[in-house]
Protein backbone atom coordinates (compact mmCIF):
# COMPACT_ATOMS: atom_id res chain seq x y z
CA MET A 1 98.66 81.80 128.79
CA LYS A 2 96.69 79.07 127.05
CA ARG A 3 93.15 80.13 125.76
CA ASP A 4 90.13 78.27 124.73
CA PHE A 5 89.93 79.17 120.94
CA GLU A 6 86.37 77.96 120.55
CA LYS A 7 85.22 80.11 123.50
CA MET A 8 86.99 83.06 121.94
CA MET A 9 85.45 82.50 118.61
CA ASN A 10 81.98 82.44 120.29
CA GLU A 11 82.84 85.79 121.80
CA VAL A 12 84.06 87.04 118.31
CA LYS A 13 80.80 85.96 116.64
CA LYS A 14 78.76 87.77 119.29
CA LEU A 15 80.96 90.93 118.89
CA HIS A 16 80.59 90.65 115.19
CA ALA A 17 76.81 90.74 115.34
CA GLU A 18 77.01 93.87 117.64
CA LEU A 19 79.39 95.58 115.30
CA VAL A 20 77.13 94.87 112.30
CA ALA A 21 74.02 95.93 114.17
CA ALA A 22 75.62 99.15 115.59
CA PRO A 23 74.30 102.48 114.31
CA ALA A 24 75.93 103.85 111.21
CA LEU A 25 77.52 107.14 112.10
CA GLU A 26 79.27 109.88 110.18
CA ARG A 27 82.72 110.61 111.35
CA ASP A 28 81.76 113.82 113.06
CA GLU A 29 78.95 112.16 114.91
CA LEU A 30 81.56 110.00 116.94
CA PRO A 31 81.43 110.71 120.54
CA GLN A 32 84.24 113.22 121.61
CA GLU A 33 84.86 111.85 125.07
CA ASP A 34 85.13 108.05 124.30
CA LYS A 35 88.57 106.68 124.54
CA PHE A 36 88.56 102.86 124.33
CA PRO A 37 89.92 100.04 122.32
CA GLY A 38 87.94 98.34 119.73
CA VAL A 39 87.02 97.39 116.17
CA TYR A 40 85.42 99.66 113.60
CA ALA A 41 84.01 99.14 110.09
CA PHE A 42 83.77 101.78 107.30
CA SER A 43 80.88 101.48 104.86
CA GLU A 44 79.77 103.25 101.78
CA LYS A 45 76.26 102.94 100.17
CA GLY A 46 75.47 100.20 102.71
CA ARG A 47 78.57 97.92 101.88
CA VAL A 48 81.40 97.53 104.37
CA LEU A 49 84.67 98.28 102.65
CA TYR A 50 87.23 98.11 105.48
CA VAL A 51 87.49 96.78 108.98
CA GLY A 52 90.11 98.00 111.41
CA ARG A 53 91.11 98.01 115.04
CA GLY A 54 92.78 100.32 117.55
CA LYS A 55 93.53 101.23 121.15
CA ASN A 56 91.49 104.40 120.78
CA VAL A 57 88.74 103.70 118.32
CA ARG A 58 87.74 107.34 117.76
CA LYS A 59 91.29 108.52 117.29
CA ARG A 60 92.04 105.62 114.89
CA ILE A 61 88.87 106.42 112.84
CA MET A 62 89.85 110.11 112.63
CA GLN A 63 93.48 109.25 111.51
CA GLN A 64 92.06 107.47 108.49
CA SER A 65 90.89 110.85 107.16
CA LEU A 66 93.29 113.48 108.52
CA ASP A 67 95.62 115.37 106.23
CA SER A 68 98.62 113.54 107.56
CA MET A 69 100.58 111.02 105.47
CA HIS A 70 100.88 108.65 108.41
CA ASP A 71 98.55 106.14 110.23
CA ALA A 72 95.96 105.84 107.48
CA PRO A 73 96.18 102.34 106.08
CA PHE A 74 92.72 102.33 104.59
CA ALA A 75 93.43 105.68 102.82
CA HIS A 76 96.76 104.46 101.53
CA ARG A 77 95.13 101.33 100.25
CA LEU A 78 92.49 103.37 98.34
CA ALA A 79 95.21 105.59 96.95
CA ARG A 80 97.47 102.77 95.88
CA GLN A 81 94.52 101.13 94.15
CA ALA A 82 93.76 104.45 92.33
CA THR A 83 97.22 104.93 91.09
CA GLY A 84 98.17 101.25 90.49
CA ARG A 85 100.87 101.29 93.22
CA ARG A 86 101.45 98.13 95.16
CA ALA A 87 102.56 98.12 98.82
CA THR A 88 106.37 97.80 99.09
CA TYR A 89 109.22 98.11 101.53
CA LYS A 90 111.56 99.20 98.63
CA ALA A 91 112.75 102.80 98.57
CA GLU A 92 110.94 103.43 95.32
CA GLY A 93 107.21 102.90 96.05
CA GLY A 94 107.57 102.98 99.87
CA ARG A 95 105.70 105.62 102.01
CA LYS A 96 108.65 108.02 102.03
CA TRP A 97 108.86 107.93 98.29
CA LEU A 98 105.17 108.24 97.84
CA LYS A 99 105.11 111.51 99.95
CA SER A 100 107.03 113.02 97.13
CA ASN A 101 104.89 111.57 94.28
CA GLY A 102 102.31 114.31 93.34
CA GLU A 103 99.95 111.79 91.70
CA PHE A 104 99.88 109.64 94.77
CA CYS A 105 99.46 112.61 97.20
CA GLU A 106 96.46 113.76 95.15
CA ALA A 107 94.99 110.18 95.22
CA LEU A 108 95.60 110.03 98.96
CA ARG A 109 93.92 113.41 99.51
CA SER A 110 90.95 112.15 97.50
CA ALA A 111 90.85 108.86 99.44
CA LYS A 112 90.73 110.73 102.70
CA GLU A 113 87.91 112.94 101.52
CA ARG A 114 85.92 109.84 100.61
CA ILE A 115 86.61 108.31 103.89
CA ARG A 116 85.29 111.53 105.53
CA ARG A 117 81.94 110.86 103.80
CA MET A 118 81.70 107.15 104.76
CA ASN A 119 79.69 105.77 107.64
CA VAL A 120 81.42 104.03 110.43
CA ARG A 121 80.22 101.45 112.99
CA TYR A 122 82.29 100.38 115.98
CA VAL A 123 82.29 98.05 119.05
CA ARG A 124 84.33 98.16 122.17
CA VAL A 125 86.74 95.21 122.42
CA GLU A 126 89.37 95.34 125.26
CA ASP A 127 91.47 92.22 124.51
CA PRO A 128 93.81 92.80 121.60
CA VAL A 129 93.71 89.15 120.51
CA THR A 130 89.91 89.36 120.37
CA GLN A 131 90.27 92.51 118.38
CA ALA A 132 92.54 90.78 115.84
CA LEU A 133 90.21 87.80 115.53
CA LEU A 134 87.19 90.08 115.12
CA GLU A 135 88.83 92.28 112.47
CA ILE A 136 89.76 89.06 110.46
CA TYR A 137 86.44 87.40 111.09
CA THR A 138 84.29 90.36 110.09
CA SER A 139 86.39 91.27 107.07
CA THR A 140 86.23 87.78 105.92
CA VAL A 141 82.51 87.15 106.57
CA LEU A 142 81.58 90.48 104.90
CA GLY A 143 84.10 90.13 102.09
CA THR A 144 85.49 93.67 102.56
CA PRO A 145 87.42 94.53 99.45
CA HIS A 146 90.15 96.66 101.19
CA ASN A 147 91.42 94.42 104.09
CA GLU A 148 94.50 92.45 103.22
CA PHE A 149 96.34 90.21 105.65
CA LYS A 150 99.29 89.19 103.41
CA THR A 151 102.87 90.47 104.11
CA THR A 152 104.91 92.11 101.50
C-alpha cells in the first residue's frame, strides 16, 4: 500500500504537539482500564529522556520499571550506561550474560527505580508506521539522550 509521506508527517507533527502538551503523569496515575496503542515519553526534571511506543501503552510503560529482566529497553540502556556496557549480541555482554552479572543487575534495579519516579506523557496512535515515525520524530526534535536507532 503506497502512502503519502508528506501527509503522514503532517499527522506526526500534530501528534508530536499533542504528546508534548499532554499532562505529565506519574506511573501510578496512568489509567488502569486503558488498553490502546501509542507513543509515550519519559521525562525527569522537565527534560524528555526517552520516547517509546507499544501496542498497549500502559503495559509498555509499566514494563520499563517492573522487576523483570525483560521488556525494559530504557532501563537496560540506563544500566548499560551506568556500568559502561555496550549493547551486543555476543554471548558475553548479551542479556542472558547480564542476568548473571551482579553489577549490572544492581544498575538495572536502580534504573527501574529511577524510571518509577519519572513523569510520563502519552498519546494514542493506532497505526504502527505512524507510531514509528512519531517515536523517531519526537526523539530527534527533543534530542532525547537515551533513544538510539542504530543496530548492533
